[in-house]
All heavy atoms as atom14 arrays in JSON, in Angstrom:
{
  "sequence": "TGTNGDVIITVEESQGSVQNVMEAMVRSGNYVFTSPPGLVGLAQ",
  "atom14_mask": [
    [1, 1, 1, 1, 1, 1, 1, 0, 0, 0, 0, 0, 0, 0],
    [1, 1, 1, 1, 0, 0, 0, 0, 0, 0, 0, 0, 0, 0],
    [1, 1, 1, 1, 1, 1, 1, 0, 0, 0, 0, 0, 0, 0],
    [1, 1, 1, 1, 1, 1, 1, 1, 0, 0, 0, 0, 0, 0],
    [1, 1, 1, 1, 0, 0, 0, 0, 0, 0, 0, 0, 0, 0],
    [1, 1, 1, 1, 1, 1, 1, 1, 0, 0, 0, 0, 0, 0],
    [1, 1, 1, 1, 1, 1, 1, 0, 0, 0, 0, 0, 0, 0],
    [1, 1, 1, 1, 1, 1, 1, 1, 0, 0, 0, 0, 0, 0],
    [1, 1, 1, 1, 1, 1, 1, 1, 0, 0, 0, 0, 0, 0],
    [1, 1, 1, 1, 1, 1, 1, 0, 0, 0, 0, 0, 0, 0],
    [1, 1, 1, 1, 1, 1, 1, 0, 0, 0, 0, 0, 0, 0],
    [1, 1, 1, 1, 1, 1, 1, 1, 1, 0, 0, 0, 0, 0],
    [1, 1, 1, 1, 1, 1, 1, 1, 1, 0, 0, 0, 0, 0],
    [1, 1, 1, 1, 1, 1, 0, 0, 0, 0, 0, 0, 0, 0],
    [1, 1, 1, 1, 1, 1, 1, 1, 1, 0, 0, 0, 0, 0],
    [1, 1, 1, 1, 0, 0, 0, 0, 0, 0, 0, 0, 0, 0],
    [1, 1, 1, 1, 1, 1, 0, 0, 0, 0, 0, 0, 0, 0],
    [1, 1, 1, 1, 1, 1, 1, 0, 0, 0, 0, 0, 0, 0],
    [1, 1, 1, 1, 1, 1, 1, 1, 1, 0, 0, 0, 0, 0],
    [1, 1, 1, 1, 1, 1, 1, 1, 0, 0, 0, 0, 0, 0],
    [1, 1, 1, 1, 1, 1, 1, 0, 0, 0, 0, 0, 0, 0],
    [1, 1, 1, 1, 1, 1, 1, 1, 0, 0, 0, 0, 0, 0],
    [1, 1, 1, 1, 1, 1, 1, 1, 1, 0, 0, 0, 0, 0],
    [1, 1, 1, 1, 1, 0, 0, 0, 0, 0, 0, 0, 0, 0],
    [1, 1, 1, 1, 1, 1, 1, 1, 0, 0, 0, 0, 0, 0],
    [1, 1, 1, 1, 1, 1, 1, 0, 0, 0, 0, 0, 0, 0],
    [1, 1, 1, 1, 1, 1, 1, 1, 1, 1, 1, 0, 0, 0],
    [1, 1, 1, 1, 1, 1, 0, 0, 0, 0, 0, 0, 0, 0],
    [1, 1, 1, 1, 0, 0, 0, 0, 0, 0, 0, 0, 0, 0],
    [1, 1, 1, 1, 1, 1, 1, 1, 0, 0, 0, 0, 0, 0],
    [1, 1, 1, 1, 1, 1, 1, 1, 1, 1, 1, 1, 0, 0],
    [1, 1, 1, 1, 1, 1, 1, 0, 0, 0, 0, 0, 0, 0],
    [1, 1, 1, 1, 1, 1, 1, 1, 1, 1, 1, 0, 0, 0],
    [1, 1, 1, 1, 1, 1, 1, 0, 0, 0, 0, 0, 0, 0],
    [1, 1, 1, 1, 1, 1, 0, 0, 0, 0, 0, 0, 0, 0],
    [1, 1, 1, 1, 1, 1, 1, 0, 0, 0, 0, 0, 0, 0],
    [1, 1, 1, 1, 1, 1, 1, 0, 0, 0, 0, 0, 0, 0],
    [1, 1, 1, 1, 0, 0, 0, 0, 0, 0, 0, 0, 0, 0],
    [1, 1, 1, 1, 1, 1, 1, 1, 0, 0, 0, 0, 0, 0],
    [1, 1, 1, 1, 1, 1, 1, 0, 0, 0, 0, 0, 0, 0],
    [1, 1, 1, 1, 0, 0, 0, 0, 0, 0, 0, 0, 0, 0],
    [1, 1, 1, 1, 1, 1, 1, 1, 0, 0, 0, 0, 0, 0],
    [1, 1, 1, 1, 1, 0, 0, 0, 0, 0, 0, 0, 0, 0],
    [1, 1, 1, 1, 1, 1, 1, 1, 1, 0, 0, 0, 0, 0]
  ],
  "atom14_positions": [
    [[-6.89, -27.34, -132.17], [-6.34, -26.91, -130.89], [-4.95, -27.49, -130.66], [-4.01, -26.78, -130.27], [-7.27, -27.34, -129.73], [-8.55, -26.74, -129.92], [-6.71, -26.92, -128.39], [0.0, 0.0, 0.0], [0.0, 0.0, 0.0], [0.0, 0.0, 0.0], [0.0, 0.0, 0.0], [0.0, 0.0, 0.0], [0.0, 0.0, 0.0], [0.0, 0.0, 0.0]],
    [[-4.82, -28.8, -130.91], [-3.57, -29.49, -130.61], [-2.41, -29.11, -131.5], [-1.25, -29.31, -131.12], [0.0, 0.0, 0.0], [0.0, 0.0, 0.0], [0.0, 0.0, 0.0], [0.0, 0.0, 0.0], [0.0, 0.0, 0.0], [0.0, 0.0, 0.0], [0.0, 0.0, 0.0], [0.0, 0.0, 0.0], [0.0, 0.0, 0.0], [0.0, 0.0, 0.0]],
    [[-2.71, -28.58, -132.69], [-1.63, -28.18, -133.61], [-1.53, -26.66, -133.75], [-0.83, -26.17, -134.65], [-1.86, -28.79, -135.01], [-3.08, -28.26, -135.57], [-1.93, -30.31, -134.95], [0.0, 0.0, 0.0], [0.0, 0.0, 0.0], [0.0, 0.0, 0.0], [0.0, 0.0, 0.0], [0.0, 0.0, 0.0], [0.0, 0.0, 0.0], [0.0, 0.0, 0.0]],
    [[-2.24, -25.93, -132.88], [-2.26, -24.46, -132.95], [-2.69, -23.96, -134.33], [-2.13, -22.98, -134.85], [-0.87, -23.89, -132.58], [-0.5, -24.18, -131.15], [-1.3, -24.02, -130.24], [0.75, -24.62, -130.93], [0.0, 0.0, 0.0], [0.0, 0.0, 0.0], [0.0, 0.0, 0.0], [0.0, 0.0, 0.0], [0.0, 0.0, 0.0], [0.0, 0.0, 0.0]],
    [[-3.64, -24.67, -134.9], [-4.18, -24.25, -136.19], [-3.4, -24.7, -137.4], [-3.75, -24.34, -138.53], [0.0, 0.0, 0.0], [0.0, 0.0, 0.0], [0.0, 0.0, 0.0], [0.0, 0.0, 0.0], [0.0, 0.0, 0.0], [0.0, 0.0, 0.0], [0.0, 0.0, 0.0], [0.0, 0.0, 0.0], [0.0, 0.0, 0.0], [0.0, 0.0, 0.0]],
    [[-2.34, -25.47, -137.19], [-1.53, -25.93, -138.33], [-2.25, -27.01, -139.14], [-1.97, -27.19, -140.33], [-0.18, -26.47, -137.84], [0.74, -25.36, -137.36], [0.47, -24.19, -137.67], [1.72, -25.67, -136.65], [0.0, 0.0, 0.0], [0.0, 0.0, 0.0], [0.0, 0.0, 0.0], [0.0, 0.0, 0.0], [0.0, 0.0, 0.0], [0.0, 0.0, 0.0]],
    [[-3.15, -27.77, -138.48], [-3.94, -28.79, -139.19], [-5.41, -28.41, -139.09], [-5.95, -28.27, -137.98], [-3.71, -30.19, -138.59], [-4.62, -31.21, -139.29], [-2.26, -30.61, -138.73], [0.0, 0.0, 0.0], [0.0, 0.0, 0.0], [0.0, 0.0, 0.0], [0.0, 0.0, 0.0], [0.0, 0.0, 0.0], [0.0, 0.0, 0.0], [0.0, 0.0, 0.0]],
    [[-6.04, -28.23, -140.22], [-7.45, -27.85, -140.28], [-8.22, -28.99, -140.95], [-7.92, -29.37, -142.09], [-7.66, -26.55, -141.09], [-6.87, -25.41, -140.46], [-9.15, -26.2, -141.15], [-7.27, -25.05, -139.04], [0.0, 0.0, 0.0], [0.0, 0.0, 0.0], [0.0, 0.0, 0.0], [0.0, 0.0, 0.0], [0.0, 0.0, 0.0], [0.0, 0.0, 0.0]],
    [[-9.2, -29.53, -140.23], [-10.01, -30.63, -140.75], [-11.39, -30.13, -141.15], [-12.07, -29.47, -140.36], [-10.15, -31.76, -139.71], [-8.81, -32.46, -139.51], [-11.2, -32.77, -140.14], [-8.86, -33.62, -138.53], [0.0, 0.0, 0.0], [0.0, 0.0, 0.0], [0.0, 0.0, 0.0], [0.0, 0.0, 0.0], [0.0, 0.0, 0.0], [0.0, 0.0, 0.0]],
    [[-11.79, -30.45, -142.35], [-13.15, -30.18, -142.82], [-13.92, -31.49, -142.77], [-13.51, -32.48, -143.39], [-13.15, -29.63, -144.25], [-12.41, -28.41, -144.28], [-14.58, -29.38, -144.73], [0.0, 0.0, 0.0], [0.0, 0.0, 0.0], [0.0, 0.0, 0.0], [0.0, 0.0, 0.0], [0.0, 0.0, 0.0], [0.0, 0.0, 0.0], [0.0, 0.0, 0.0]],
    [[-15.03, -31.52, -142.03], [-15.83, -32.73, -141.87], [-16.9, -32.79, -142.94], [-17.63, -31.81, -143.17], [-16.48, -32.78, -140.47], [-17.34, -34.03, -140.32], [-15.41, -32.73, -139.39], [0.0, 0.0, 0.0], [0.0, 0.0, 0.0], [0.0, 0.0, 0.0], [0.0, 0.0, 0.0], [0.0, 0.0, 0.0], [0.0, 0.0, 0.0], [0.0, 0.0, 0.0]],
    [[-17.01, -33.9, -143.61], [-18.05, -34.14, -144.61], [-19.02, -35.2, -144.12], [-18.6, -36.22, -143.58], [-17.44, -34.6, -145.94], [-16.69, -33.52, -146.68], [-16.23, -33.98, -148.06], [-16.44, -35.16, -148.39], [-15.66, -33.16, -148.79], [0.0, 0.0, 0.0], [0.0, 0.0, 0.0], [0.0, 0.0, 0.0], [0.0, 0.0, 0.0], [0.0, 0.0, 0.0]],
    [[-20.31, -34.96, -144.34], [-21.31, -35.95, -144.0], [-21.23, -37.12, -144.97], [-20.82, -36.98, -146.12], [-22.71, -35.34, -144.07], [-23.82, -36.29, -143.65], [-25.2, -35.65, -143.73], [-25.3, -34.53, -144.24], [-26.16, -36.31, -143.31], [0.0, 0.0, 0.0], [0.0, 0.0, 0.0], [0.0, 0.0, 0.0], [0.0, 0.0, 0.0], [0.0, 0.0, 0.0]],
    [[-21.6, -38.29, -144.48], [-21.58, -39.51, -145.3], [-22.83, -40.32, -145.02], [-23.47, -40.19, -143.97], [-20.34, -40.33, -144.95], [-20.46, -41.66, -145.39], [0.0, 0.0, 0.0], [0.0, 0.0, 0.0], [0.0, 0.0, 0.0], [0.0, 0.0, 0.0], [0.0, 0.0, 0.0], [0.0, 0.0, 0.0], [0.0, 0.0, 0.0], [0.0, 0.0, 0.0]],
    [[-23.17, -41.18, -145.96], [-24.3, -42.08, -145.78], [-23.88, -43.41, -145.16], [-24.71, -44.28, -144.94], [-25.01, -42.32, -147.12], [-25.64, -41.07, -147.69], [-26.57, -40.38, -146.7], [-27.53, -40.99, -146.22], [-26.32, -39.12, -146.41], [0.0, 0.0, 0.0], [0.0, 0.0, 0.0], [0.0, 0.0, 0.0], [0.0, 0.0, 0.0], [0.0, 0.0, 0.0]],
    [[-22.58, -43.55, -144.88], [-22.14, -44.78, -144.25], [-20.73, -45.17, -144.64], [-20.1, -44.56, -145.52], [0.0, 0.0, 0.0], [0.0, 0.0, 0.0], [0.0, 0.0, 0.0], [0.0, 0.0, 0.0], [0.0, 0.0, 0.0], [0.0, 0.0, 0.0], [0.0, 0.0, 0.0], [0.0, 0.0, 0.0], [0.0, 0.0, 0.0], [0.0, 0.0, 0.0]],
    [[-20.24, -46.21, -144.0], [-18.85, -46.63, -144.19], [-18.56, -47.13, -145.59], [-17.44, -46.96, -146.09], [-18.5, -47.71, -143.17], [-18.57, -47.22, -141.86], [0.0, 0.0, 0.0], [0.0, 0.0, 0.0], [0.0, 0.0, 0.0], [0.0, 0.0, 0.0], [0.0, 0.0, 0.0], [0.0, 0.0, 0.0], [0.0, 0.0, 0.0], [0.0, 0.0, 0.0]],
    [[-19.54, -47.76, -146.24], [-19.3, -48.24, -147.62], [-18.97, -47.07, -148.52], [-18.03, -47.12, -149.33], [-20.52, -49.03, -148.15], [-20.34, -49.34, -149.64], [-20.71, -50.32, -147.37], [0.0, 0.0, 0.0], [0.0, 0.0, 0.0], [0.0, 0.0, 0.0], [0.0, 0.0, 0.0], [0.0, 0.0, 0.0], [0.0, 0.0, 0.0], [0.0, 0.0, 0.0]],
    [[-19.73, -45.98, -148.4], [-19.45, -44.79, -149.19], [-18.06, -44.24, -148.87], [-17.3, -43.86, -149.77], [-20.5, -43.71, -148.93], [-20.23, -42.42, -149.72], [-21.17, -41.28, -149.34], [-22.1, -41.46, -148.57], [-20.91, -40.1, -149.86], [0.0, 0.0, 0.0], [0.0, 0.0, 0.0], [0.0, 0.0, 0.0], [0.0, 0.0, 0.0], [0.0, 0.0, 0.0]],
    [[-17.72, -44.22, -147.58], [-16.42, -43.69, -147.17], [-15.27, -44.45, -147.83], [-14.32, -43.86, -148.34], [-16.27, -43.8, -145.65], [-17.23, -42.91, -144.9], [-17.97, -42.15, -145.5], [-17.21, -43.01, -143.58], [0.0, 0.0, 0.0], [0.0, 0.0, 0.0], [0.0, 0.0, 0.0], [0.0, 0.0, 0.0], [0.0, 0.0, 0.0], [0.0, 0.0, 0.0]],
    [[-15.36, -45.78, -147.8], [-14.31, -46.62, -148.38], [-14.31, -46.47, -149.9], [-13.24, -46.36, -150.52], [-14.49, -48.1, -147.98], [-13.42, -48.97, -148.64], [-14.44, -48.26, -146.47], [0.0, 0.0, 0.0], [0.0, 0.0, 0.0], [0.0, 0.0, 0.0], [0.0, 0.0, 0.0], [0.0, 0.0, 0.0], [0.0, 0.0, 0.0], [0.0, 0.0, 0.0]],
    [[-15.5, -46.45, -150.48], [-15.61, -46.35, -151.95], [-14.93, -45.08, -152.45], [-14.27, -45.09, -153.5], [-17.08, -46.36, -152.36], [-17.31, -46.73, -153.81], [-17.04, -48.49, -154.15], [-18.56, -49.2, -153.51], [0.0, 0.0, 0.0], [0.0, 0.0, 0.0], [0.0, 0.0, 0.0], [0.0, 0.0, 0.0], [0.0, 0.0, 0.0], [0.0, 0.0, 0.0]],
    [[-15.05, -44.0, -151.71], [-14.48, -42.73, -152.16], [-12.95, -42.72, -152.08], [-12.31, -41.85, -152.67], [-15.07, -41.56, -151.37], [-16.51, -41.28, -151.74], [-16.98, -39.91, -151.27], [-16.14, -39.05, -150.92], [-18.21, -39.7, -151.26], [0.0, 0.0, 0.0], [0.0, 0.0, 0.0], [0.0, 0.0, 0.0], [0.0, 0.0, 0.0], [0.0, 0.0, 0.0]],
    [[-12.38, -43.67, -151.35], [-10.92, -43.77, -151.32], [-10.35, -44.06, -152.7], [-9.17, -43.81, -152.96], [-10.49, -44.84, -150.33], [0.0, 0.0, 0.0], [0.0, 0.0, 0.0], [0.0, 0.0, 0.0], [0.0, 0.0, 0.0], [0.0, 0.0, 0.0], [0.0, 0.0, 0.0], [0.0, 0.0, 0.0], [0.0, 0.0, 0.0], [0.0, 0.0, 0.0]],
    [[-11.2, -44.58, -153.61], [-10.75, -44.86, -154.97], [-10.47, -43.57, -155.74], [-9.6, -43.55, -156.61], [-11.83, -45.65, -155.72], [-12.05, -47.07, -155.27], [-13.29, -47.89, -156.3], [-12.48, -47.87, -157.91], [0.0, 0.0, 0.0], [0.0, 0.0, 0.0], [0.0, 0.0, 0.0], [0.0, 0.0, 0.0], [0.0, 0.0, 0.0], [0.0, 0.0, 0.0]],
    [[-11.22, -42.52, -155.42], [-11.17, -41.32, -156.27], [-10.67, -40.07, -155.54], [-10.34, -39.08, -156.2], [-12.57, -41.03, -156.86], [-12.99, -42.15, -157.8], [-13.61, -40.86, -155.76], [0.0, 0.0, 0.0], [0.0, 0.0, 0.0], [0.0, 0.0, 0.0], [0.0, 0.0, 0.0], [0.0, 0.0, 0.0], [0.0, 0.0, 0.0], [0.0, 0.0, 0.0]],
    [[-10.61, -40.11, -154.21], [-10.17, -38.93, -153.48], [-8.65, -38.91, -153.4], [-8.0, -39.95, -153.21], [-10.76, -38.91, -152.08], [-12.29, -38.93, -152.04], [-12.9, -37.66, -152.57], [-12.78, -36.57, -151.64], [-13.76, -36.21, -150.8], [-14.92, -36.85, -150.79], [-13.58, -35.2, -149.98], [0.0, 0.0, 0.0], [0.0, 0.0, 0.0], [0.0, 0.0, 0.0]],
    [[-8.08, -37.75, -153.53], [-6.62, -37.63, -153.5], [-6.2, -36.82, -152.28], [-7.02, -36.22, -151.58], [-6.12, -36.96, -154.78], [-6.69, -35.66, -154.91], [0.0, 0.0, 0.0], [0.0, 0.0, 0.0], [0.0, 0.0, 0.0], [0.0, 0.0, 0.0], [0.0, 0.0, 0.0], [0.0, 0.0, 0.0], [0.0, 0.0, 0.0], [0.0, 0.0, 0.0]],
    [[-4.9, -36.81, -152.03], [-4.35, -35.98, -150.98], [-4.73, -36.43, -149.59], [-4.77, -37.63, -149.28], [0.0, 0.0, 0.0], [0.0, 0.0, 0.0], [0.0, 0.0, 0.0], [0.0, 0.0, 0.0], [0.0, 0.0, 0.0], [0.0, 0.0, 0.0], [0.0, 0.0, 0.0], [0.0, 0.0, 0.0], [0.0, 0.0, 0.0], [0.0, 0.0, 0.0]],
    [[-5.04, -35.46, -148.73], [-5.28, -35.73, -147.32], [-6.74, -36.1, -147.06], [-7.48, -35.36, -146.41], [-4.87, -34.51, -146.48], [-3.39, -34.24, -146.54], [-2.59, -35.16, -146.68], [-3.01, -32.98, -146.45], [0.0, 0.0, 0.0], [0.0, 0.0, 0.0], [0.0, 0.0, 0.0], [0.0, 0.0, 0.0], [0.0, 0.0, 0.0], [0.0, 0.0, 0.0]],
    [[-7.13, -37.25, -147.57], [-8.48, -37.77, -147.37], [-8.45, -38.76, -146.21], [-7.71, -39.74, -146.23], [-8.97, -38.47, -148.64], [-10.31, -39.16, -148.49], [-11.46, -38.44, -148.19], [-10.42, -40.54, -148.65], [-12.69, -39.08, -148.07], [-11.64, -41.18, -148.54], [-12.77, -40.44, -148.25], [-13.99, -41.08, -148.12], [0.0, 0.0, 0.0], [0.0, 0.0, 0.0]],
    [[-9.24, -38.49, -145.18], [-9.37, -39.37, -144.02], [-10.82, -39.81, -143.92], [-11.73, -39.02, -144.17], [-8.95, -38.65, -142.72], [-9.18, -39.54, -141.5], [-7.48, -38.24, -142.79], [0.0, 0.0, 0.0], [0.0, 0.0, 0.0], [0.0, 0.0, 0.0], [0.0, 0.0, 0.0], [0.0, 0.0, 0.0], [0.0, 0.0, 0.0], [0.0, 0.0, 0.0]],
    [[-11.04, -41.07, -143.6], [-12.41, -41.57, -143.45], [-12.48, -42.57, -142.32], [-11.46, -43.13, -141.89], [-12.9, -42.21, -144.76], [-12.15, -43.44, -145.18], [-12.58, -44.71, -144.82], [-10.99, -43.34, -145.94], [-11.88, -45.85, -145.21], [-10.29, -44.47, -146.35], [-10.73, -45.73, -145.97], [0.0, 0.0, 0.0], [0.0, 0.0, 0.0], [0.0, 0.0, 0.0]],
    [[-13.68, -42.79, -141.82], [-13.88, -43.76, -140.75], [-14.62, -44.98, -141.29], [-15.51, -44.86, -142.13], [-14.68, -43.15, -139.58], [-15.94, -42.66, -140.06], [-13.91, -41.99, -138.97], [0.0, 0.0, 0.0], [0.0, 0.0, 0.0], [0.0, 0.0, 0.0], [0.0, 0.0, 0.0], [0.0, 0.0, 0.0], [0.0, 0.0, 0.0], [0.0, 0.0, 0.0]],
    [[-14.22, -46.15, -140.79], [-14.81, -47.4, -141.27], [-14.39, -48.54, -140.36], [-13.31, -48.48, -139.75], [-14.34, -47.69, -142.7], [-14.72, -49.0, -143.11], [0.0, 0.0, 0.0], [0.0, 0.0, 0.0], [0.0, 0.0, 0.0], [0.0, 0.0, 0.0], [0.0, 0.0, 0.0], [0.0, 0.0, 0.0], [0.0, 0.0, 0.0], [0.0, 0.0, 0.0]],
    [[-15.18, -49.6, -140.26], [-14.67, -50.83, -139.65], [-13.54, -51.4, -140.49], [-13.61, -51.36, -141.73], [-15.9, -51.76, -139.67], [-17.08, -50.86, -139.8], [-16.62, -49.71, -140.63], [0.0, 0.0, 0.0], [0.0, 0.0, 0.0], [0.0, 0.0, 0.0], [0.0, 0.0, 0.0], [0.0, 0.0, 0.0], [0.0, 0.0, 0.0], [0.0, 0.0, 0.0]],
    [[-12.49, -51.91, -139.89], [-11.37, -52.47, -140.66], [-11.79, -53.6, -141.6], [-11.23, -53.74, -142.69], [-10.41, -53.0, -139.57], [-10.73, -52.18, -138.37], [-12.2, -51.92, -138.43], [0.0, 0.0, 0.0], [0.0, 0.0, 0.0], [0.0, 0.0, 0.0], [0.0, 0.0, 0.0], [0.0, 0.0, 0.0], [0.0, 0.0, 0.0], [0.0, 0.0, 0.0]],
    [[-12.77, -54.39, -141.17], [-13.21, -55.5, -142.02], [-13.75, -55.05, -143.36], [-13.61, -55.76, -144.36], [0.0, 0.0, 0.0], [0.0, 0.0, 0.0], [0.0, 0.0, 0.0], [0.0, 0.0, 0.0], [0.0, 0.0, 0.0], [0.0, 0.0, 0.0], [0.0, 0.0, 0.0], [0.0, 0.0, 0.0], [0.0, 0.0, 0.0], [0.0, 0.0, 0.0]],
    [[-14.37, -53.88, -143.4], [-14.92, -53.36, -144.64], [-13.8, -52.98, -145.6], [-13.89, -53.2, -146.82], [-15.81, -52.16, -144.35], [-16.85, -51.8, -145.41], [-17.8, -52.95, -145.66], [-17.63, -50.56, -144.97], [0.0, 0.0, 0.0], [0.0, 0.0, 0.0], [0.0, 0.0, 0.0], [0.0, 0.0, 0.0], [0.0, 0.0, 0.0], [0.0, 0.0, 0.0]],
    [[-12.73, -52.41, -145.06], [-11.55, -52.11, -145.89], [-10.96, -53.4, -146.44], [-10.56, -53.47, -147.61], [-10.5, -51.33, -145.07], [-9.21, -51.18, -145.87], [-11.04, -49.97, -144.67], [0.0, 0.0, 0.0], [0.0, 0.0, 0.0], [0.0, 0.0, 0.0], [0.0, 0.0, 0.0], [0.0, 0.0, 0.0], [0.0, 0.0, 0.0], [0.0, 0.0, 0.0]],
    [[-10.94, -54.45, -145.62], [-10.45, -55.74, -146.08], [-11.26, -56.29, -147.23], [-10.71, -56.86, -148.19], [0.0, 0.0, 0.0], [0.0, 0.0, 0.0], [0.0, 0.0, 0.0], [0.0, 0.0, 0.0], [0.0, 0.0, 0.0], [0.0, 0.0, 0.0], [0.0, 0.0, 0.0], [0.0, 0.0, 0.0], [0.0, 0.0, 0.0], [0.0, 0.0, 0.0]],
    [[-12.59, -56.13, -147.16], [-13.45, -56.58, -148.27], [-13.12, -55.81, -149.54], [-13.05, -56.39, -150.63], [-14.92, -56.37, -147.91], [-15.52, -57.29, -146.84], [-16.96, -56.9, -146.55], [-15.45, -58.76, -147.28], [0.0, 0.0, 0.0], [0.0, 0.0, 0.0], [0.0, 0.0, 0.0], [0.0, 0.0, 0.0], [0.0, 0.0, 0.0], [0.0, 0.0, 0.0]],
    [[-12.91, -54.49, -149.41], [-12.58, -53.68, -150.58], [-11.25, -54.1, -151.2], [-11.11, -54.18, -152.43], [-12.53, -52.2, -150.19], [0.0, 0.0, 0.0], [0.0, 0.0, 0.0], [0.0, 0.0, 0.0], [0.0, 0.0, 0.0], [0.0, 0.0, 0.0], [0.0, 0.0, 0.0], [0.0, 0.0, 0.0], [0.0, 0.0, 0.0], [0.0, 0.0, 0.0]],
    [[-10.28, -54.4, -150.36], [-8.96, -54.78, -150.86], [-8.95, -56.16, -151.5], [-8.02, -56.51, -152.22], [-7.94, -54.71, -149.71], [-7.69, -53.29, -149.24], [-6.81, -53.2, -148.02], [-6.73, -54.15, -147.24], [-6.14, -52.07, -147.83], [0.0, 0.0, 0.0], [0.0, 0.0, 0.0], [0.0, 0.0, 0.0], [0.0, 0.0, 0.0], [0.0, 0.0, 0.0]]
  ]
}
């Protein structure tokens, strides 16, 4: 709505934040995920 259709988001189900962060290793391009910041810190 806010971009008049210029940005289209496809939502994917996940089993949790660990999976979300783990996939950042292999996903390319416009990959967005949700996670507590502390979990990203552990990964880094």
